[in-house]
Amino acid sequence: MSLAVEIKSLSKHFRIGFGNVAISALENLTLDINEGEVFGLLGSNGAGKSTTIKILLGIIKASGGQFKIFGKDLCKETKRQMGYLPETASFYGFLTAYEILIFYAQLCGLSSSKAKSEAVKVLDLVGLDNDANREISQYSKGMMQRVGIAQAIIHNPRLVILDEPASGLDPIGARDMADTILRLKSEGKTIILSSHLMSEVEKLCDRIAILSKGTLVANGTLDELLKKDNMLNLEIKCASEEKDKLVNAISTAGFEINKIDSARENLSEYFEKKVK
């Protein structure tokens, strides 16, 4: 399997204060991200996620180590193959979403005619086709986030880095965002997803890495990391009045029951059903 991102012993130290004290934001990070997967980059605030992302984008320089994007060192060619949505996207309020996307598309090297056609296509993809000609100042935070996603993919990048893409979105918007991410994956794109929403990560990510205080503490598939040995989860259809019979049958067979809960709907699905 080809690698989209290859990181070896990446470190970043900052010096702060009058004493020029060295602070380690990232320490000897080694990580591989496969081409075509959704990769979750997780950690508490200050864990090193944003530092890692900024190094990959070339915004800051590493103190040590190295990395490659699609087998190459960071350069103009590799930068053009990357799209980025920051945690807090900010745009000129007097421009429309359509104008903003044309601007970003041309910054990425697209011709004027190509920029216009891609803007229309991407606005439809993120659900803003009916609001394309409204000024950004009239947009809600969730709509702004959709514009952020659109600008990240307007130039058809191979690698898309998303920092908290569901921030500010209502449950339906978050679902649409998840669908967009899965659609990008189906097109063969690689997505690095940084999120504090664990439900979003579990739904979307093929593999995850967890950082703590600048150090990698976990890395693998969700099945590898979350599997509980000698335990299974079973979903059994059973009327409430027959629960005792079921429990007795399981106990008689020699199995231990850890927990029994009443079945319930997924909250996101319930919310969507009620507001439609």
C-alpha atoms as a PDB file:
ATOM      1  CA  MET A   1       0.000   0.000   0.000  1.00  0.00           C
ATOM      2  CA  SER A   2       1.332   3.431  -0.976  1.00  0.00           C
ATOM      3  CA  LEU A   3       1.993   6.015   1.725  1.00  0.00           C
ATOM      4  CA  ALA A   4       0.447   9.459   1.566  1.00  0.00           C
ATOM      5  CA  VAL A   5       2.433  10.728   4.570  1.00  0.00           C
ATOM      6  CA  GLU A   6       5.608   9.267   6.075  1.00  0.00           C
ATOM      7  CA  ILE A   7       6.859  10.829   9.309  1.00  0.00           C
ATOM      8  CA  LYS A   8      10.125   9.813  10.987  1.00  0.00           C
ATOM      9  CA  SER A   9      11.332  11.072  14.392  1.00  0.00           C
ATOM     10  CA  LEU A  10       9.631  14.445  13.955  1.00  0.00           C
ATOM     11  CA  SER A  11      10.259  16.916  16.785  1.00  0.00           C
ATOM     12  CA  LYS A  12       9.461  20.551  17.460  1.00  0.00           C
ATOM     13  CA  HIS A  13      10.867  22.662  20.303  1.00  0.00           C
ATOM     14  CA  PHE A  14       9.882  26.249  21.044  1.00  0.00           C
ATOM     15  CA  ARG A  15      11.883  28.709  23.126  1.00  0.00           C
ATOM     16  CA  ILE A  16       9.893  31.088  25.290  1.00  0.00           C
ATOM     17  CA  GLY A  17      10.364  33.768  27.940  1.00  0.00           C
ATOM     18  CA  PHE A  18      13.352  35.845  28.964  1.00  0.00           C
ATOM     19  CA  GLY A  19      15.279  32.707  29.903  1.00  0.00           C
ATOM     20  CA  ASN A  20      14.843  31.312  26.381  1.00  0.00           C
ATOM     21  CA  VAL A  21      13.504  28.096  27.921  1.00  0.00           C
ATOM     22  CA  ALA A  22      12.996  25.209  25.483  1.00  0.00           C
ATOM     23  CA  ILE A  23       9.498  23.706  25.423  1.00  0.00           C
ATOM     24  CA  SER A  24       8.884  20.420  23.582  1.00  0.00           C
ATOM     25  CA  ALA A  25       5.666  20.517  21.536  1.00  0.00           C
ATOM     26  CA  LEU A  26       6.452  17.325  19.613  1.00  0.00           C
ATOM     27  CA  GLU A  27       8.974  14.608  20.414  1.00  0.00           C
ATOM     28  CA  ASN A  28      10.232  11.912  18.018  1.00  0.00           C
ATOM     29  CA  LEU A  29       6.928  11.321  16.227  1.00  0.00           C
ATOM     30  CA  THR A  30       7.067   8.414  13.775  1.00  0.00           C
ATOM     31  CA  LEU A  31       3.884   7.770  11.821  1.00  0.00           C
ATOM     32  CA  ASP A  32       2.715   6.431   8.461  1.00  0.00           C
ATOM     33  CA  ILE A  33      -0.571   7.403   6.801  1.00  0.00           C
ATOM     34  CA  ASN A  34      -1.761   5.219   3.941  1.00  0.00           C
ATOM     35  CA  GLU A  35      -3.013   6.668   0.696  1.00  0.00           C
ATOM     36  CA  GLY A  36      -6.800   6.614   0.430  1.00  0.00           C
ATOM     37  CA  GLU A  37      -7.601   6.278   4.146  1.00  0.00           C
ATOM     38  CA  VAL A  38      -9.271   8.521   6.708  1.00  0.00           C
ATOM     39  CA  PHE A  39      -6.726   8.920   9.494  1.00  0.00           C
ATOM     40  CA  GLY A  40      -7.703  10.336  12.873  1.00  0.00           C
ATOM     41  CA  LEU A  41      -5.170  12.528  14.671  1.00  0.00           C
ATOM     42  CA  LEU A  42      -6.376  12.764  18.258  1.00  0.00           C
ATOM     43  CA  GLY A  43      -5.262  14.326  21.509  1.00  0.00           C
ATOM     44  CA  SER A  44      -6.135  16.869  24.171  1.00  0.00           C
ATOM     45  CA  ASN A  45      -5.429  20.568  23.681  1.00  0.00           C
ATOM     46  CA  GLY A  46      -1.664  21.050  23.590  1.00  0.00           C
ATOM     47  CA  ALA A  47      -0.973  17.417  22.682  1.00  0.00           C
ATOM     48  CA  GLY A  48       0.887  18.304  19.467  1.00  0.00           C
ATOM     49  CA  LYS A  49      -1.813  17.812  16.829  1.00  0.00           C
ATOM     50  CA  SER A  50      -1.752  21.361  15.457  1.00  0.00           C
ATOM     51  CA  THR A  51       2.049  21.431  15.576  1.00  0.00           C
ATOM     52  CA  THR A  52       2.178  18.263  13.481  1.00  0.00           C
ATOM     53  CA  ILE A  53      -0.308  19.640  10.969  1.00  0.00           C
ATOM     54  CA  LYS A  54       1.531  22.974  10.667  1.00  0.00           C
ATOM     55  CA  ILE A  55       4.813  21.175  10.021  1.00  0.00           C
ATOM     56  CA  LEU A  56       3.224  19.040   7.290  1.00  0.00           C
ATOM     57  CA  LEU A  57       1.791  22.177   5.669  1.00  0.00           C
ATOM     58  CA  GLY A  58       5.113  24.023   5.854  1.00  0.00           C
ATOM     59  CA  ILE A  59       3.734  26.746   8.144  1.00  0.00           C
ATOM     60  CA  ILE A  60       6.433  26.025  10.746  1.00  0.00           C
ATOM     61  CA  LYS A  61       9.716  24.113  10.534  1.00  0.00           C
ATOM     62  CA  ALA A  62      10.520  21.009  12.524  1.00  0.00           C
ATOM     63  CA  SER A  63      13.391  21.033  15.019  1.00  0.00           C
ATOM     64  CA  GLY A  64      14.338  17.521  14.014  1.00  0.00           C
ATOM     65  CA  GLY A  65      13.270  14.506  12.004  1.00  0.00           C
ATOM     66  CA  GLN A  66      11.818  14.370   8.518  1.00  0.00           C
ATOM     67  CA  PHE A  67       8.628  13.693   6.595  1.00  0.00           C
ATOM     68  CA  LYS A  68       7.503  13.024   3.046  1.00  0.00           C
ATOM     69  CA  ILE A  69       4.235  13.718   1.245  1.00  0.00           C
ATOM     70  CA  PHE A  70       3.460  11.120  -1.434  1.00  0.00           C
ATOM     71  CA  GLY A  71       7.102  10.045  -1.328  1.00  0.00           C
ATOM     72  CA  LYS A  72       8.558  13.536  -1.795  1.00  0.00           C
ATOM     73  CA  ASP A  73       9.938  16.271   0.413  1.00  0.00           C
ATOM     74  CA  LEU A  74       7.684  19.283   0.897  1.00  0.00           C
ATOM     75  CA  CYS A  75       7.825  21.542  -2.167  1.00  0.00           C
ATOM     76  CA  LYS A  76       5.484  23.552  -4.405  1.00  0.00           C
ATOM     77  CA  GLU A  77       4.328  20.370  -6.144  1.00  0.00           C
ATOM     78  CA  THR A  78       3.395  18.567  -2.931  1.00  0.00           C
ATOM     79  CA  LYS A  79       1.795  21.677  -1.438  1.00  0.00           C
ATOM     80  CA  ARG A  80      -0.539  21.882  -4.427  1.00  0.00           C
ATOM     81  CA  GLN A  81      -1.674  18.333  -3.667  1.00  0.00           C
ATOM     82  CA  MET A  82      -2.813  19.345  -0.165  1.00  0.00           C
ATOM     83  CA  GLY A  83      -5.992  21.041   1.085  1.00  0.00           C
ATOM     84  CA  TYR A  84      -6.456  22.409   4.583  1.00  0.00           C
ATOM     85  CA  LEU A  85      -9.393  23.434   6.756  1.00  0.00           C
ATOM     86  CA  PRO A  86      -8.202  25.215   9.933  1.00  0.00           C
ATOM     87  CA  GLU A  87     -10.177  24.897  13.144  1.00  0.00           C
ATOM     88  CA  THR A  88     -11.408  28.487  12.795  1.00  0.00           C
ATOM     89  CA  ALA A  89     -11.878  29.469   9.174  1.00  0.00           C
ATOM     90  CA  SER A  90     -12.043  33.208   8.469  1.00  0.00           C
ATOM     91  CA  PHE A  91     -13.088  34.947   5.246  1.00  0.00           C
ATOM     92  CA  TYR A  92     -13.776  38.472   4.008  1.00  0.00           C
ATOM     93  CA  GLY A  93     -17.394  39.157   4.961  1.00  0.00           C
ATOM     94  CA  PHE A  94     -18.152  41.351   1.956  1.00  0.00           C
ATOM     95  CA  LEU A  95     -17.455  38.530  -0.525  1.00  0.00           C
ATOM     96  CA  THR A  96     -19.873  35.791  -1.530  1.00  0.00           C
ATOM     97  CA  ALA A  97     -19.004  32.120  -1.147  1.00  0.00           C
ATOM     98  CA  TYR A  98     -18.794  31.858  -4.926  1.00  0.00           C
ATOM     99  CA  GLU A  99     -16.304  34.741  -5.124  1.00  0.00           C
ATOM    100  CA  ILE A 100     -14.212  33.338  -2.285  1.00  0.00           C
ATOM    101  CA  LEU A 101     -13.909  29.920  -3.922  1.00  0.00           C
ATOM    102  CA  ILE A 102     -12.901  31.447  -7.254  1.00  0.00           C
ATOM    103  CA  PHE A 103     -10.222  33.430  -5.403  1.00  0.00           C
ATOM    104  CA  TYR A 104      -8.818  30.337  -3.672  1.00  0.00           C
ATOM    105  CA  ALA A 105      -9.011  28.250  -6.833  1.00  0.00           C
ATOM    106  CA  GLN A 106      -6.949  30.795  -8.751  1.00  0.00           C
ATOM    107  CA  LEU A 107      -4.451  30.966  -5.872  1.00  0.00           C
ATOM    108  CA  CYS A 108      -4.024  27.216  -6.378  1.00  0.00           C
ATOM    109  CA  GLY A 109      -3.253  27.708 -10.071  1.00  0.00           C
ATOM    110  CA  LEU A 110      -6.615  27.104 -11.724  1.00  0.00           C
ATOM    111  CA  SER A 111      -7.576  29.218 -14.726  1.00  0.00           C
ATOM    112  CA  SER A 112     -10.444  31.687 -14.413  1.00  0.00           C
ATOM    113  CA  SER A 113     -12.912  29.489 -16.303  1.00  0.00           C
ATOM    114  CA  LYS A 114     -11.848  26.338 -14.432  1.00  0.00           C
ATOM    115  CA  ALA A 115     -12.082  28.164 -11.094  1.00  0.00           C
ATOM    116  CA  LYS A 116     -15.664  29.202 -11.832  1.00  0.00           C
ATOM    117  CA  SER A 117     -16.798  25.729 -12.864  1.00  0.00           C
ATOM    118  CA  GLU A 118     -15.111  24.090  -9.868  1.00  0.00           C
ATOM    119  CA  ALA A 119     -16.665  26.655  -7.510  1.00  0.00           C
ATOM    120  CA  VAL A 120     -20.149  25.724  -8.711  1.00  0.00           C
ATOM    121  CA  LYS A 121     -19.374  22.011  -8.345  1.00  0.00           C
ATOM    122  CA  VAL A 122     -17.918  22.273  -4.844  1.00  0.00           C
ATOM    123  CA  LEU A 123     -20.661  24.582  -3.542  1.00  0.00           C
ATOM    124  CA  ASP A 124     -23.189  21.953  -4.567  1.00  0.00           C
ATOM    125  CA  LEU A 125     -21.111  19.241  -2.865  1.00  0.00           C
ATOM    126  CA  VAL A 126     -21.127  21.051   0.511  1.00  0.00           C
ATOM    127  CA  GLY A 127     -24.781  22.082   0.256  1.00  0.00           C
ATOM    128  CA  LEU A 128     -24.329  25.814  -0.367  1.00  0.00           C
ATOM    129  CA  ASP A 129     -25.491  26.002  -3.982  1.00  0.00           C
ATOM    130  CA  ASN A 130     -28.629  27.965  -2.992  1.00  0.00           C
ATOM    131  CA  ASP A 131     -26.600  30.449  -0.923  1.00  0.00           C
ATOM    132  CA  ALA A 132     -23.640  30.860  -3.263  1.00  0.00           C
ATOM    133  CA  ASN A 133     -24.310  34.539  -3.980  1.00  0.00           C
ATOM    134  CA  ARG A 134     -24.987  35.674  -0.412  1.00  0.00           C
ATOM    135  CA  GLU A 135     -22.290  37.665   1.358  1.00  0.00           C
ATOM    136  CA  ILE A 136     -20.301  35.661   3.893  1.00  0.00           C
ATOM    137  CA  SER A 137     -21.237  38.170   6.623  1.00  0.00           C
ATOM    138  CA  GLN A 138     -24.796  36.777   6.412  1.00  0.00           C
ATOM    139  CA  TYR A 139     -23.684  33.177   6.988  1.00  0.00           C
ATOM    140  CA  SER A 140     -24.080  31.197  10.209  1.00  0.00           C
ATOM    141  CA  LYS A 141     -21.024  29.565  11.769  1.00  0.00           C
ATOM    142  CA  GLY A 142     -22.052  26.224  10.317  1.00  0.00           C
ATOM    143  CA  MET A 143     -22.330  27.691   6.823  1.00  0.00           C
ATOM    144  CA  MET A 144     -18.892  29.267   7.258  1.00  0.00           C
ATOM    145  CA  GLN A 145     -17.538  25.813   8.079  1.00  0.00           C
ATOM    146  CA  ARG A 146     -18.991  24.490   4.828  1.00  0.00           C
ATOM    147  CA  VAL A 147     -17.209  27.261   2.933  1.00  0.00           C
ATOM    148  CA  GLY A 148     -14.032  26.196   4.732  1.00  0.00           C
ATOM    149  CA  ILE A 149     -14.426  22.626   3.505  1.00  0.00           C
ATOM    150  CA  ALA A 150     -15.131  23.906  -0.006  1.00  0.00           C
ATOM    151  CA  GLN A 151     -11.952  26.004  -0.141  1.00  0.00           C
ATOM    152  CA  ALA A 152      -9.942  23.036   1.123  1.00  0.00           C
ATOM    153  CA  ILE A 153     -11.008  20.840  -1.811  1.00  0.00           C
ATOM    154  CA  ILE A 154     -11.575  23.417  -4.592  1.00  0.00           C
ATOM    155  CA  HIS A 155      -8.300  22.457  -6.326  1.00  0.00           C
ATOM    156  CA  ASN A 156      -8.973  18.699  -6.134  1.00  0.00           C
ATOM    157  CA  PRO A 157      -6.111  17.829  -3.726  1.00  0.00           C
ATOM    158  CA  ARG A 158      -4.936  14.274  -3.037  1.00  0.00           C
ATOM    159  CA  LEU A 159      -4.455  14.958   0.695  1.00  0.00           C
ATOM    160  CA  VAL A 160      -7.079  16.855   2.721  1.00  0.00           C
ATOM    161  CA  ILE A 161      -6.312  17.936   6.301  1.00  0.00           C
ATOM    162  CA  LEU A 162      -9.381  18.806   8.366  1.00  0.00           C
ATOM    163  CA  ASP A 163      -9.083  20.384  11.817  1.00  0.00           C
ATOM    164  CA  GLU A 164     -12.416  20.046  13.680  1.00  0.00           C
ATOM    165  CA  PRO A 165     -14.569  20.035  10.497  1.00  0.00           C
ATOM    166  CA  ALA A 166     -17.863  19.543  12.413  1.00  0.00           C
ATOM    167  CA  SER A 167     -17.282  22.593  14.625  1.00  0.00           C
ATOM    168  CA  GLY A 168     -20.391  24.784  14.660  1.00  0.00           C
ATOM    169  CA  LEU A 169     -22.528  22.335  12.711  1.00  0.00           C
ATOM    170  CA  ASP A 170     -25.923  21.059  13.849  1.00  0.00           C
ATOM    171  CA  PRO A 171     -26.463  17.264  13.804  1.00  0.00           C
ATOM    172  CA  ILE A 172     -27.732  17.247  10.224  1.00  0.00           C
ATOM    173  CA  GLY A 173     -24.844  19.453   9.107  1.00  0.00           C
ATOM    174  CA  ALA A 174     -22.418  17.145  10.907  1.00  0.00           C
ATOM    175  CA  ARG A 175     -23.907  14.163   9.103  1.00  0.00           C
ATOM    176  CA  ASP A 176     -23.583  15.947   5.766  1.00  0.00           C
ATOM    177  CA  MET A 177     -19.964  16.744   6.641  1.00  0.00           C
ATOM    178  CA  ALA A 178     -19.331  13.081   7.398  1.00  0.00           C
ATOM    179  CA  ASP A 179     -20.920  12.121   4.073  1.00  0.00           C
ATOM    180  CA  THR A 180     -18.647  14.606   2.302  1.00  0.00           C
ATOM    181  CA  ILE A 181     -15.573  13.090   3.955  1.00  0.00           C
ATOM    182  CA  LEU A 182     -16.640   9.571   2.947  1.00  0.00           C
ATOM    183  CA  ARG A 183     -17.292  10.793  -0.600  1.00  0.00           C
ATOM    184  CA  LEU A 184     -13.772  12.236  -0.761  1.00  0.00           C
ATOM    185  CA  LYS A 185     -12.408   8.910   0.458  1.00  0.00           C
ATOM    186  CA  SER A 186     -14.382   7.060  -2.241  1.00  0.00           C
ATOM    187  CA  GLU A 187     -12.625   9.273  -4.795  1.00  0.00           C
ATOM    188  CA  GLY A 188      -9.275   7.977  -3.531  1.00  0.00           C
ATOM    189  CA  LYS A 189      -8.304  11.012  -1.472  1.00  0.00           C
ATOM    190  CA  THR A 190      -6.448  10.755   1.829  1.00  0.00           C
ATOM    191  CA  ILE A 191      -7.994  12.602   4.768  1.00  0.00           C
ATOM    192  CA  ILE A 192      -6.298  13.543   8.031  1.00  0.00           C
ATOM    193  CA  LEU A 193      -9.052  14.277  10.524  1.00  0.00           C
ATOM    194  CA  SER A 194      -8.347  16.071  13.799  1.00  0.00           C
ATOM    195  CA  SER A 195     -11.434  16.034  16.009  1.00  0.00           C
ATOM    196  CA  HIS A 196     -12.549  15.998  19.640  1.00  0.00           C
ATOM    197  CA  LEU A 197     -15.824  14.283  18.654  1.00  0.00           C
ATOM    198  CA  MET A 198     -15.125  10.614  19.330  1.00  0.00           C
ATOM    199  CA  SER A 199     -18.373   9.482  17.689  1.00  0.00           C
ATOM    200  CA  GLU A 200     -17.282  11.234  14.486  1.00  0.00           C
ATOM    201  CA  VAL A 201     -13.873   9.568  14.653  1.00  0.00           C
ATOM    202  CA  GLU A 202     -15.341   6.091  15.226  1.00  0.00           C
ATOM    203  CA  LYS A 203     -17.696   6.510  12.282  1.00  0.00           C
ATOM    204  CA  LEU A 204     -15.164   7.820   9.782  1.00  0.00           C
ATOM    205  CA  CYS A 205     -11.608   6.753  10.569  1.00  0.00           C
ATOM    206  CA  ASP A 206      -9.802   3.676   9.290  1.00  0.00           C
ATOM    207  CA  ARG A 207      -6.935   4.217  11.725  1.00  0.00           C
ATOM    208  CA  ILE A 208      -6.091   6.678  14.479  1.00  0.00           C
ATOM    209  CA  ALA A 209      -3.081   8.036  16.340  1.00  0.00           C
ATOM    210  CA  ILE A 210      -3.334   9.537  19.828  1.00  0.00           C
ATOM    211  CA  LEU A 211      -0.840  12.155  20.991  1.00  0.00           C
ATOM    212  CA  SER A 212      -0.243  13.169  24.600  1.00  0.00           C
ATOM    213  CA  LYS A 213       2.164  15.932  25.611  1.00  0.00           C
ATOM    214  CA  GLY A 214       3.835  15.784  22.212  1.00  0.00           C
ATOM    215  CA  THR A 215       4.369  12.017  22.255  1.00  0.00           C
ATOM    216  CA  LEU A 216       2.631   9.237  20.340  1.00  0.00           C
ATOM    217  CA  VAL A 217       0.832   6.998  22.847  1.00  0.00           C
ATOM    218  CA  ALA A 218      -1.400   4.884  20.570  1.00  0.00           C
ATOM    219  CA  ASN A 219      -1.568   4.054  16.854  1.00  0.00           C
ATOM    220  CA  GLY A 220      -3.658   1.529  14.929  1.00  0.00           C
ATOM    221  CA  THR A 221      -7.124   0.565  13.729  1.00  0.00           C
ATOM    222  CA  LEU A 222     -10.082   1.059  16.035  1.00  0.00           C
ATOM    223  CA  ASP A 223     -10.581  -2.712  16.245  1.00  0.00           C
ATOM    224  CA  GLU A 224      -6.964  -3.206  17.306  1.00  0.00           C
ATOM    225  CA  LEU A 225      -7.058  -0.495  19.953  1.00  0.00           C
ATOM    226  CA  LEU A 226     -10.575  -0.876  21.362  1.00  0.00           C
ATOM    227  CA  LYS A 227     -11.096  -4.640  21.344  1.00  0.00           C
ATOM    228  CA  LYS A 228     -11.865  -6.135  24.770  1.00  0.00           C
ATOM    229  CA  ASP A 229     -10.459  -9.641  25.129  1.00  0.00           C
ATOM    230  CA  ASN A 230     -12.886 -12.438  26.062  1.00  0.00           C
ATOM    231  CA  MET A 231     -15.921 -10.189  25.562  1.00  0.00           C
ATOM    232  CA  LEU A 232     -18.584  -9.917  22.860  1.00  0.00           C
ATOM    233  CA  ASN A 233     -21.420  -7.463  22.329  1.00  0.00           C
ATOM    234  CA  LEU A 234     -24.703  -9.109  21.318  1.00  0.00           C
ATOM    235  CA  GLU A 235     -27.872  -7.361  20.223  1.00  0.00           C
ATOM    236  CA  ILE A 236     -30.851  -9.603  20.986  1.00  0.00           C
ATOM    237  CA  LYS A 237     -34.463  -8.815  20.207  1.00  0.00           C
ATOM    238  CA  CYS A 238     -36.418  -9.631  23.355  1.00  0.00           C
ATOM    239  CA  ALA A 239     -39.661  -8.354  24.858  1.00  0.00           C
ATOM    240  CA  SER A 240     -39.219  -6.713  28.260  1.00  0.00           C
ATOM    241  CA  GLU A 241     -41.378  -9.315  30.010  1.00  0.00           C
ATOM    242  CA  GLU A 242     -39.125 -12.082  28.664  1.00  0.00           C
ATOM    243  CA  LYS A 243     -35.906 -10.579  30.013  1.00  0.00           C
ATOM    244  CA  ASP A 244     -35.750 -12.888  33.046  1.00  0.00           C
ATOM    245  CA  LYS A 245     -36.141 -15.938  30.839  1.00  0.00           C
ATOM    246  CA  LEU A 246     -33.279 -14.747  28.638  1.00  0.00           C
ATOM    247  CA  VAL A 247     -31.018 -14.000  31.619  1.00  0.00           C
ATOM    248  CA  ASN A 248     -31.695 -17.423  33.119  1.00  0.00           C
ATOM    249  CA  ALA A 249     -30.932 -19.145  29.822  1.00  0.00           C
ATOM    250  CA  ILE A 250     -27.615 -17.325  29.447  1.00  0.00           C
ATOM    251  CA  SER A 251     -26.625 -17.978  33.069  1.00  0.00           C
ATOM    252  CA  THR A 252     -27.568 -21.648  32.823  1.00  0.00           C
ATOM    253  CA  ALA A 253     -25.281 -21.932  29.788  1.00  0.00           C
ATOM    254  CA  GLY A 254     -22.401 -20.785  32.006  1.00  0.00           C
ATOM    255  CA  PHE A 255     -21.917 -17.244  30.688  1.00  0.00           C
ATOM    256  CA  GLU A 256     -21.567 -14.115  32.809  1.00  0.00           C
ATOM    257  CA  ILE A 257     -23.688 -11.073  31.961  1.00  0.00           C
ATOM    258  CA  ASN A 258     -21.894  -7.795  32.606  1.00  0.00           C
ATOM    259  CA  LYS A 259     -24.637  -5.363  31.634  1.00  0.00           C
ATOM    260  CA  ILE A 260     -28.148  -5.264  30.221  1.00  0.00           C
ATOM    261  CA  ASP A 261     -29.701  -2.057  28.899  1.00  0.00           C
ATOM    262  CA  SER A 262     -32.955  -1.323  27.132  1.00  0.00           C
ATOM    263  CA  ALA A 263     -32.490  -0.849  23.400  1.00  0.00           C
ATOM    264  CA  ARG A 264     -32.683   2.733  22.167  1.00  0.00           C
ATOM    265  CA  GLU A 265     -32.254   4.731  18.995  1.00  0.00           C
ATOM    266  CA  ASN A 266     -29.133   6.611  18.003  1.00  0.00           C
ATOM    267  CA  LEU A 267     -29.589  10.241  19.149  1.00  0.00           C
ATOM    268  CA  SER A 268     -28.367  11.736  15.858  1.00  0.00           C
ATOM    269  CA  GLU A 269     -30.810   9.617  13.855  1.00  0.00           C
ATOM    270  CA  TYR A 270     -33.656  10.444  16.288  1.00  0.00           C
ATOM    271  CA  PHE A 271     -32.909  14.186  16.026  1.00  0.00           C
ATOM    272  CA  GLU A 272     -32.840  14.075  12.244  1.00  0.00           C
ATOM    273  CA  LYS A 273     -36.132  12.159  12.126  1.00  0.00           C
ATOM    274  CA  LYS A 274     -37.848  14.721  14.366  1.00  0.00           C
ATOM    275  CA  VAL A 275     -36.690  17.858  12.544  1.00  0.00           C
ATOM    276  CA  LYS A 276     -37.312  16.640   8.998  1.00  0.00           C
END
